[in-house]
Amino acid sequence: MTKQTLDSKGYETVTMQVGKITAKVSGVKNGLNTSTYHLKVAHIQTIFQIYDDLSRLVSAYGELVAQDLQEFRQVGVNIQQTDKEVSK
């Protein structure tokens, strides 16, 4: 299920098939099932860590995009003002 290797720079790389790991959790059909047995899946902490890291990355990217959009709008305003001044 997991494959552990070293990449060309010597960093440890672990490859997992997330679908197989989480199938046990996602296959629960009874939403009222309050037992925790179906949550005892190997590597589930790793999956949660990856999800958390990706969520933070997307959030940071969204903040940067919002800042860039504000800067582009300001540039647009400056261009319009410059055009008005030149045309006088």
N, C-alpha and C. Protein backbone atom coordinates (compact mmCIF):
# COMPACT_ATOMS: atom_id res chain seq x y z
N MET A 1 0.81 -1.18 0.00
CA MET A 1 0.00 0.00 0.00
C MET A 1 0.86 1.25 0.00
N THR A 2 2.00 1.22 0.66
CA THR A 2 2.90 2.38 0.63
C THR A 2 4.23 1.96 0.06
N LYS A 3 4.90 2.91 -0.56
CA LYS A 3 6.20 2.66 -1.16
C LYS A 3 7.14 3.77 -0.70
N GLN A 4 8.23 3.40 -0.08
CA GLN A 4 9.16 4.36 0.47
C GLN A 4 10.47 4.30 -0.32
N THR A 5 10.89 5.46 -0.85
CA THR A 5 12.12 5.53 -1.66
C THR A 5 12.85 6.83 -1.35
N LEU A 6 14.01 6.99 -1.93
CA LEU A 6 14.75 8.25 -1.86
C LEU A 6 14.75 8.86 -3.25
N ASP A 7 14.51 10.17 -3.32
CA ASP A 7 14.54 10.81 -4.63
C ASP A 7 15.98 11.12 -5.02
N SER A 8 16.17 11.80 -6.16
CA SER A 8 17.51 12.05 -6.69
C SER A 8 18.35 12.93 -5.77
N LYS A 9 17.72 13.70 -4.88
CA LYS A 9 18.46 14.56 -3.96
C LYS A 9 18.62 13.93 -2.59
N GLY A 10 18.17 12.71 -2.43
CA GLY A 10 18.32 12.01 -1.17
C GLY A 10 17.19 12.21 -0.18
N TYR A 11 16.11 12.91 -0.59
CA TYR A 11 14.98 13.10 0.30
C TYR A 11 14.09 11.87 0.29
N GLU A 12 13.56 11.55 1.45
CA GLU A 12 12.67 10.40 1.57
C GLU A 12 11.33 10.72 0.91
N THR A 13 10.84 9.80 0.11
CA THR A 13 9.57 9.95 -0.56
C THR A 13 8.70 8.75 -0.21
N VAL A 14 7.48 9.03 0.23
CA VAL A 14 6.54 7.96 0.55
C VAL A 14 5.36 8.11 -0.39
N THR A 15 5.07 7.06 -1.14
CA THR A 15 3.96 7.07 -2.07
C THR A 15 2.86 6.19 -1.50
N MET A 16 1.65 6.75 -1.39
CA MET A 16 0.51 6.00 -0.87
C MET A 16 -0.65 6.08 -1.85
N GLN A 17 -1.44 5.05 -1.87
CA GLN A 17 -2.65 5.07 -2.67
C GLN A 17 -3.79 5.48 -1.73
N VAL A 18 -4.09 6.76 -1.74
CA VAL A 18 -5.05 7.33 -0.80
C VAL A 18 -6.42 6.67 -0.94
N GLY A 19 -6.80 6.34 -2.14
CA GLY A 19 -8.10 5.71 -2.36
C GLY A 19 -8.25 4.41 -1.58
N LYS A 20 -7.22 3.60 -1.59
CA LYS A 20 -7.27 2.34 -0.85
C LYS A 20 -7.26 2.58 0.65
N ILE A 21 -6.49 3.60 1.07
CA ILE A 21 -6.39 3.88 2.50
C ILE A 21 -7.73 4.37 3.05
N THR A 22 -8.40 5.22 2.31
CA THR A 22 -9.64 5.84 2.81
C THR A 22 -10.90 5.10 2.43
N ALA A 23 -10.81 4.06 1.62
CA ALA A 23 -12.00 3.33 1.19
C ALA A 23 -12.80 2.80 2.38
N LYS A 24 -12.10 2.39 3.40
CA LYS A 24 -12.77 1.86 4.57
C LYS A 24 -13.63 2.93 5.24
N VAL A 25 -13.09 4.15 5.33
CA VAL A 25 -13.83 5.25 5.95
C VAL A 25 -14.98 5.69 5.06
N SER A 26 -14.71 5.90 3.78
CA SER A 26 -15.75 6.41 2.89
C SER A 26 -16.82 5.38 2.58
N GLY A 27 -16.53 4.12 2.83
CA GLY A 27 -17.51 3.08 2.55
C GLY A 27 -18.57 2.92 3.61
N VAL A 28 -18.52 3.71 4.68
CA VAL A 28 -19.52 3.62 5.75
C VAL A 28 -20.85 4.13 5.20
N LYS A 29 -21.86 3.31 5.26
CA LYS A 29 -23.14 3.67 4.68
C LYS A 29 -24.11 4.20 5.73
N ASN A 30 -23.91 3.88 6.99
CA ASN A 30 -24.82 4.30 8.03
C ASN A 30 -24.29 5.57 8.66
N GLY A 31 -24.88 6.72 8.34
CA GLY A 31 -24.43 7.98 8.88
C GLY A 31 -24.62 8.09 10.37
N LEU A 32 -25.45 7.23 10.94
CA LEU A 32 -25.70 7.26 12.37
C LEU A 32 -24.73 6.35 13.13
N ASN A 33 -23.82 5.74 12.42
CA ASN A 33 -22.85 4.84 13.04
C ASN A 33 -21.90 5.67 13.90
N THR A 34 -22.00 5.52 15.20
CA THR A 34 -21.18 6.31 16.11
C THR A 34 -19.94 5.56 16.59
N SER A 35 -19.75 4.35 16.10
CA SER A 35 -18.54 3.62 16.51
C SER A 35 -17.33 4.23 15.80
N THR A 36 -16.19 4.04 16.36
CA THR A 36 -14.98 4.60 15.75
C THR A 36 -14.17 3.55 15.00
N TYR A 37 -14.69 2.34 14.91
CA TYR A 37 -13.94 1.28 14.26
C TYR A 37 -13.58 1.63 12.82
N HIS A 38 -14.53 2.22 12.08
CA HIS A 38 -14.28 2.54 10.67
C HIS A 38 -13.26 3.67 10.50
N LEU A 39 -12.93 4.37 11.57
CA LEU A 39 -11.93 5.44 11.48
C LEU A 39 -10.51 4.95 11.77
N LYS A 40 -10.38 3.73 12.20
CA LYS A 40 -9.06 3.17 12.51
C LYS A 40 -8.43 2.64 11.23
N VAL A 41 -7.84 3.55 10.47
CA VAL A 41 -7.26 3.22 9.17
C VAL A 41 -5.78 3.58 9.21
N ALA A 42 -4.96 2.69 8.67
CA ALA A 42 -3.52 2.96 8.62
C ALA A 42 -3.26 4.24 7.83
N HIS A 43 -2.37 5.05 8.30
CA HIS A 43 -1.92 6.28 7.64
C HIS A 43 -2.98 7.38 7.60
N ILE A 44 -4.06 7.27 8.35
CA ILE A 44 -5.10 8.30 8.30
C ILE A 44 -4.55 9.63 8.80
N GLN A 45 -3.63 9.61 9.76
CA GLN A 45 -3.03 10.86 10.25
C GLN A 45 -2.25 11.55 9.13
N THR A 46 -1.57 10.76 8.31
CA THR A 46 -0.83 11.33 7.19
C THR A 46 -1.76 11.98 6.20
N ILE A 47 -2.88 11.34 5.93
CA ILE A 47 -3.87 11.89 5.00
C ILE A 47 -4.41 13.20 5.54
N PHE A 48 -4.73 13.23 6.83
CA PHE A 48 -5.23 14.47 7.43
C PHE A 48 -4.16 15.57 7.36
N GLN A 49 -2.90 15.22 7.55
CA GLN A 49 -1.82 16.21 7.49
C GLN A 49 -1.69 16.77 6.08
N ILE A 50 -1.78 15.89 5.08
CA ILE A 50 -1.72 16.35 3.68
C ILE A 50 -2.88 17.27 3.38
N TYR A 51 -4.08 16.90 3.82
CA TYR A 51 -5.27 17.73 3.61
C TYR A 51 -5.10 19.09 4.27
N ASP A 52 -4.58 19.09 5.50
CA ASP A 52 -4.37 20.33 6.23
C ASP A 52 -3.34 21.21 5.52
N ASP A 53 -2.26 20.62 5.07
CA ASP A 53 -1.23 21.38 4.35
C ASP A 53 -1.77 21.97 3.06
N LEU A 54 -2.53 21.18 2.31
CA LEU A 54 -3.11 21.68 1.06
C LEU A 54 -4.12 22.79 1.33
N SER A 55 -4.91 22.66 2.40
CA SER A 55 -5.87 23.70 2.75
C SER A 55 -5.15 25.01 3.06
N ARG A 56 -4.06 24.93 3.81
CA ARG A 56 -3.28 26.14 4.12
C ARG A 56 -2.68 26.75 2.86
N LEU A 57 -2.20 25.91 1.95
CA LEU A 57 -1.62 26.39 0.70
C LEU A 57 -2.66 27.12 -0.14
N VAL A 58 -3.84 26.53 -0.27
CA VAL A 58 -4.91 27.17 -1.05
C VAL A 58 -5.33 28.48 -0.40
N SER A 59 -5.42 28.50 0.91
CA SER A 59 -5.79 29.72 1.63
C SER A 59 -4.76 30.82 1.40
N ALA A 60 -3.49 30.47 1.50
CA ALA A 60 -2.42 31.45 1.28
C ALA A 60 -2.45 31.96 -0.15
N TYR A 61 -2.69 31.07 -1.09
CA TYR A 61 -2.77 31.47 -2.50
C TYR A 61 -3.93 32.43 -2.70
N GLY A 62 -5.07 32.16 -2.07
CA GLY A 62 -6.23 33.04 -2.18
C GLY A 62 -5.93 34.43 -1.64
N GLU A 63 -5.22 34.50 -0.54
CA GLU A 63 -4.85 35.79 0.04
C GLU A 63 -3.92 36.55 -0.90
N LEU A 64 -2.98 35.85 -1.51
CA LEU A 64 -2.06 36.51 -2.45
C LEU A 64 -2.80 37.01 -3.69
N VAL A 65 -3.75 36.23 -4.17
CA VAL A 65 -4.52 36.64 -5.33
C VAL A 65 -5.34 37.88 -5.01
N ALA A 66 -5.93 37.93 -3.83
CA ALA A 66 -6.71 39.10 -3.43
C ALA A 66 -5.82 40.34 -3.38
N GLN A 67 -4.62 40.19 -2.86
CA GLN A 67 -3.68 41.31 -2.79
C GLN A 67 -3.27 41.75 -4.20
N ASP A 68 -2.99 40.77 -5.07
CA ASP A 68 -2.61 41.10 -6.45
C ASP A 68 -3.75 41.81 -7.17
N LEU A 69 -4.98 41.36 -6.95
CA LEU A 69 -6.14 41.98 -7.59
C LEU A 69 -6.27 43.43 -7.16
N GLN A 70 -6.05 43.69 -5.90
CA GLN A 70 -6.10 45.07 -5.40
C GLN A 70 -5.02 45.92 -6.08
N GLU A 71 -3.82 45.37 -6.21
CA GLU A 71 -2.73 46.10 -6.87
C GLU A 71 -3.04 46.36 -8.34
N PHE A 72 -3.60 45.37 -9.04
CA PHE A 72 -3.95 45.55 -10.45
C PHE A 72 -5.03 46.61 -10.62
N ARG A 73 -5.99 46.63 -9.72
CA ARG A 73 -7.03 47.66 -9.78
C ARG A 73 -6.42 49.05 -9.59
N GLN A 74 -5.47 49.17 -8.67
CA GLN A 74 -4.81 50.46 -8.44
C GLN A 74 -4.03 50.89 -9.67
N VAL A 75 -3.37 49.94 -10.33
CA VAL A 75 -2.64 50.24 -11.56
C VAL A 75 -3.62 50.74 -12.61
N GLY A 76 -4.79 50.09 -12.71
CA GLY A 76 -5.81 50.52 -13.67
C GLY A 76 -6.28 51.94 -13.39
N VAL A 77 -6.48 52.28 -12.14
CA VAL A 77 -6.90 53.63 -11.76
C VAL A 77 -5.80 54.62 -12.13
N ASN A 78 -4.55 54.27 -11.84
CA ASN A 78 -3.43 55.15 -12.17
C ASN A 78 -3.32 55.38 -13.67
N ILE A 79 -3.55 54.35 -14.47
CA ILE A 79 -3.50 54.48 -15.93
C ILE A 79 -4.60 55.42 -16.40
N GLN A 80 -5.80 55.27 -15.86
CA GLN A 80 -6.91 56.14 -16.25
C GLN A 80 -6.61 57.59 -15.89
N GLN A 81 -6.07 57.82 -14.72
CA GLN A 81 -5.74 59.18 -14.30
C GLN A 81 -4.66 59.77 -15.19
N THR A 82 -3.66 58.97 -15.53
CA THR A 82 -2.59 59.44 -16.41
C THR A 82 -3.14 59.77 -17.79
N ASP A 83 -4.03 58.93 -18.31
CA ASP A 83 -4.65 59.19 -19.62
C ASP A 83 -5.44 60.50 -19.60
N LYS A 84 -6.17 60.76 -18.53
CA LYS A 84 -6.95 62.00 -18.41
C LYS A 84 -6.03 63.22 -18.39
N GLU A 85 -4.94 63.12 -17.63
CA GLU A 85 -3.99 64.23 -17.53
C GLU A 85 -3.31 64.50 -18.86
N VAL A 86 -2.98 63.45 -19.59
CA VAL A 86 -2.29 63.60 -20.89
C VAL A 86 -3.23 64.20 -21.92
N SER A 87 -4.50 63.85 -21.85
CA SER A 87 -5.46 64.31 -22.85
C SER A 87 -5.89 65.76 -22.64
N LYS A 88 -5.54 66.38 -21.54
CA LYS A 88 -5.91 67.79 -21.26
C LYS A 88 -5.12 68.75 -22.10
